[in-house]
Amino acid sequence: MPNNRPIFETERLLLSPTNLADAAFIWKVFTTPGALRFIGDRQLHSLDDATAFIHDRVLPHWEKNGYGNYTLIEKKSQQKVGVCGVFNREGLEHPDLGYAMLPAFEGLGYAKESSRRMMSAAKEHFGLSVLDGLTHPENERSIGLLKYLGFESRGQSQIDGYDYKTELFRIHL
């Protein structure tokens, strides 16, 4: 448990708190065409940018809130496949469940599996009772996943940091 940050497990995945050693992976995840389109450009143009992103944004979020971004590791291969976590975002009333997979691992149920575990951790470990979910209005897979997980649509909302209205969902844990 790095810095007292819990590691979680599912049938196929380890959910390990993202740290500086994950910089190359974070760079890869957040520069895929899907992430750029549906999450937004995090200005990660180099490994140094990804390292700074983790140092300046990911780690301070953990320190401030006690939860944050997890790197998803497939148990069988030990390969990093995606990210999932709980985030406090400017302009949102409740913490947000977020996730992203490398394209080669999309459609394999990893987002569903990790999101379920993260929702359980949000309630049982982090003491949260409500989660929001944000997604691009054209991201049908993410909208479908949030609905499958039991999130209810709250309509579109303009959230700080997004240049479009996002689809807002909410669940009471």
Protein backbone atom coordinates (compact mmCIF):
# COMPACT_ATOMS: atom_id res chain seq x y z
CA MET A 1 0.00 0.00 0.00
CA PRO A 2 2.05 2.99 -1.25
CA ASN A 3 1.72 5.98 1.10
CA ASN A 4 -1.19 4.20 2.81
CA ARG A 5 -3.12 4.21 -0.45
CA PRO A 6 -5.10 0.99 -0.73
CA ILE A 7 -4.68 -1.49 -3.56
CA PHE A 8 -7.90 -3.14 -4.69
CA GLU A 9 -8.48 -6.34 -6.57
CA THR A 10 -11.10 -7.85 -8.88
CA GLU A 11 -11.26 -11.24 -10.51
CA ARG A 12 -8.95 -10.15 -13.35
CA LEU A 13 -7.41 -6.87 -12.21
CA LEU A 14 -5.24 -5.19 -9.62
CA LEU A 15 -6.17 -1.56 -9.03
CA SER A 16 -2.97 0.14 -7.89
CA PRO A 17 -2.75 3.83 -6.99
CA THR A 18 -1.15 5.69 -9.89
CA ASN A 19 2.37 6.89 -9.09
CA LEU A 20 5.35 8.44 -10.86
CA ALA A 21 6.48 5.03 -12.15
CA ASP A 22 3.28 4.98 -14.25
CA ALA A 23 4.22 8.09 -16.27
CA ALA A 24 4.88 6.29 -19.59
CA PHE A 25 1.61 4.39 -19.25
CA ILE A 26 -0.38 7.52 -18.36
CA TRP A 27 1.12 9.27 -21.38
CA LYS A 28 -0.02 6.36 -23.56
CA VAL A 29 -3.57 6.20 -22.12
CA PHE A 30 -4.32 9.92 -22.31
CA THR A 31 -2.97 10.40 -25.83
CA THR A 32 -5.09 7.74 -27.55
CA PRO A 33 -7.58 9.12 -30.09
CA GLY A 34 -10.51 8.08 -27.86
CA ALA A 35 -9.10 9.78 -24.77
CA LEU A 36 -8.31 12.96 -26.69
CA ARG A 37 -11.83 13.02 -28.14
CA PHE A 38 -13.86 11.99 -25.12
CA ILE A 39 -11.75 13.05 -22.11
CA GLY A 40 -9.85 15.97 -23.57
CA ASP A 41 -6.28 17.00 -24.24
CA ARG A 42 -4.32 16.90 -20.99
CA GLN A 43 -1.33 18.47 -22.79
CA LEU A 44 0.78 15.34 -22.38
CA HIS A 45 3.24 15.73 -25.27
CA SER A 46 6.18 13.93 -23.68
CA LEU A 47 7.15 11.59 -20.88
CA ASP A 48 8.20 14.66 -18.89
CA ASP A 49 4.69 16.11 -19.31
CA ALA A 50 3.16 12.87 -18.03
CA THR A 51 5.53 12.83 -15.05
CA ALA A 52 4.62 16.44 -14.25
CA PHE A 53 0.90 15.61 -14.64
CA ILE A 54 1.20 12.86 -12.03
CA HIS A 55 3.38 14.99 -9.74
CA ASP A 56 1.28 18.15 -10.03
CA ARG A 57 -2.25 16.76 -10.33
CA VAL A 58 -2.60 13.06 -9.48
CA LEU A 59 -0.54 12.91 -6.30
CA PRO A 60 -1.86 16.19 -4.79
CA HIS A 61 -5.43 14.97 -5.43
CA TRP A 62 -4.63 11.86 -3.37
CA GLU A 63 -3.10 13.96 -0.57
CA LYS A 64 -6.04 16.34 -0.45
CA ASN A 65 -8.92 13.85 -0.80
CA GLY A 66 -7.65 10.43 0.24
CA TYR A 67 -8.64 8.89 -3.10
CA GLY A 68 -7.79 9.34 -6.75
CA ASN A 69 -6.53 7.63 -9.88
CA TYR A 70 -5.74 3.91 -10.09
CA THR A 71 -3.70 2.11 -12.72
CA LEU A 72 -5.38 -1.12 -13.79
CA ILE A 73 -3.09 -4.12 -14.09
CA GLU A 74 -4.26 -7.35 -15.68
CA LYS A 75 -3.36 -10.07 -13.17
CA LYS A 76 -2.65 -12.78 -15.73
CA SER A 77 -0.20 -10.81 -17.90
CA GLN A 78 0.83 -8.07 -15.41
CA GLN A 79 0.13 -5.63 -18.26
CA LYS A 80 -1.28 -2.16 -17.54
CA VAL A 81 -4.60 -1.91 -19.36
CA GLY A 82 -6.29 1.29 -18.22
CA VAL A 83 -7.14 3.64 -15.39
CA CYS A 84 -10.12 4.08 -13.08
CA GLY A 85 -10.66 6.30 -10.08
CA VAL A 86 -12.69 8.75 -8.08
CA PHE A 87 -12.01 12.45 -8.60
CA ASN A 88 -13.12 15.76 -7.18
CA ARG A 89 -13.72 18.13 -10.09
CA GLU A 90 -14.29 21.84 -10.06
CA GLY A 91 -17.97 22.55 -10.65
CA LEU A 92 -19.25 19.13 -9.57
CA GLU A 93 -21.26 18.68 -6.39
CA HIS A 94 -20.05 15.10 -5.84
CA PRO A 95 -16.89 13.12 -6.66
CA ASP A 96 -16.75 11.69 -10.17
CA LEU A 97 -16.10 8.10 -11.24
CA GLY A 98 -13.73 8.13 -14.20
CA TYR A 99 -12.10 5.46 -16.36
CA ALA A 100 -10.15 5.01 -19.59
CA MET A 101 -8.73 1.92 -21.31
CA LEU A 102 -6.02 1.44 -23.86
CA PRO A 103 -7.74 0.69 -27.19
CA ALA A 104 -6.50 -2.94 -27.22
CA PHE A 105 -8.39 -3.53 -23.95
CA GLU A 106 -11.67 -1.78 -24.74
CA GLY A 107 -14.75 -3.96 -24.92
CA LEU A 108 -13.32 -6.66 -22.64
CA GLY A 109 -15.28 -5.64 -19.54
CA TYR A 110 -12.33 -4.08 -17.70
CA ALA A 111 -14.03 -0.68 -17.37
CA LYS A 112 -17.14 -2.37 -15.94
CA GLU A 113 -15.12 -4.59 -13.59
CA SER A 114 -12.90 -1.80 -12.28
CA SER A 115 -15.78 0.68 -12.00
CA ARG A 116 -17.80 -1.74 -9.88
CA ARG A 117 -14.83 -2.24 -7.57
CA MET A 118 -14.16 1.50 -7.41
CA MET A 119 -17.82 2.18 -6.55
CA SER A 120 -17.61 -0.34 -3.72
CA ALA A 121 -14.36 1.24 -2.49
CA ALA A 122 -15.90 4.71 -2.72
CA LYS A 123 -18.60 3.67 -0.28
CA GLU A 124 -16.80 1.22 1.98
CA HIS A 125 -13.27 2.58 2.06
CA PHE A 126 -13.54 6.29 1.19
CA GLY A 127 -16.86 6.94 2.95
CA LEU A 128 -18.67 8.43 -0.05
CA SER A 129 -22.42 8.10 -0.51
CA VAL A 130 -22.93 9.70 -3.93
CA LEU A 131 -20.90 9.60 -7.14
CA ASP A 132 -21.29 11.56 -10.33
CA GLY A 133 -20.27 10.33 -13.75
CA LEU A 134 -19.34 12.61 -16.63
CA THR A 135 -19.03 11.72 -20.25
CA HIS A 136 -18.89 13.28 -23.67
CA PRO A 137 -22.41 13.35 -25.17
CA GLU A 138 -21.20 11.27 -28.15
CA ASN A 139 -19.47 8.60 -26.03
CA GLU A 140 -22.16 5.94 -26.33
CA ARG A 141 -20.03 3.22 -24.70
CA SER A 142 -19.45 5.31 -21.59
CA ILE A 143 -23.09 6.37 -21.40
CA GLY A 144 -24.10 2.71 -21.68
CA LEU A 145 -21.64 1.69 -18.96
CA LEU A 146 -22.82 4.37 -16.54
CA LYS A 147 -26.44 3.30 -17.07
CA TYR A 148 -25.50 -0.36 -16.65
CA LEU A 149 -23.77 0.49 -13.35
CA GLY A 150 -26.98 2.11 -12.10
CA PHE A 151 -26.15 5.79 -12.64
CA GLU A 152 -29.13 7.96 -13.56
CA SER A 153 -28.97 10.72 -16.14
CA ARG A 154 -29.07 14.27 -14.83
CA GLY A 155 -28.99 15.81 -18.33
CA GLN A 156 -26.28 17.91 -19.83
CA SER A 157 -24.18 20.30 -17.80
CA GLN A 158 -21.38 22.75 -18.50
CA ILE A 159 -18.46 21.71 -16.30
CA ASP A 160 -15.32 23.78 -15.76
CA GLY A 161 -12.46 22.56 -17.94
CA TYR A 162 -14.68 21.17 -20.71
CA ASP A 163 -15.40 23.10 -23.89
CA TYR A 164 -18.68 21.23 -24.43
CA LYS A 165 -21.68 20.32 -22.31
CA THR A 166 -21.11 16.95 -20.69
CA GLU A 167 -23.64 14.24 -19.95
CA LEU A 168 -23.98 14.16 -16.16
CA PHE A 169 -25.00 11.02 -14.29
CA ARG A 170 -25.39 10.32 -10.57
CA ILE A 171 -25.71 7.31 -8.29
CA HIS A 172 -26.45 7.00 -4.59
CA LEU A 173 -24.23 4.27 -3.21
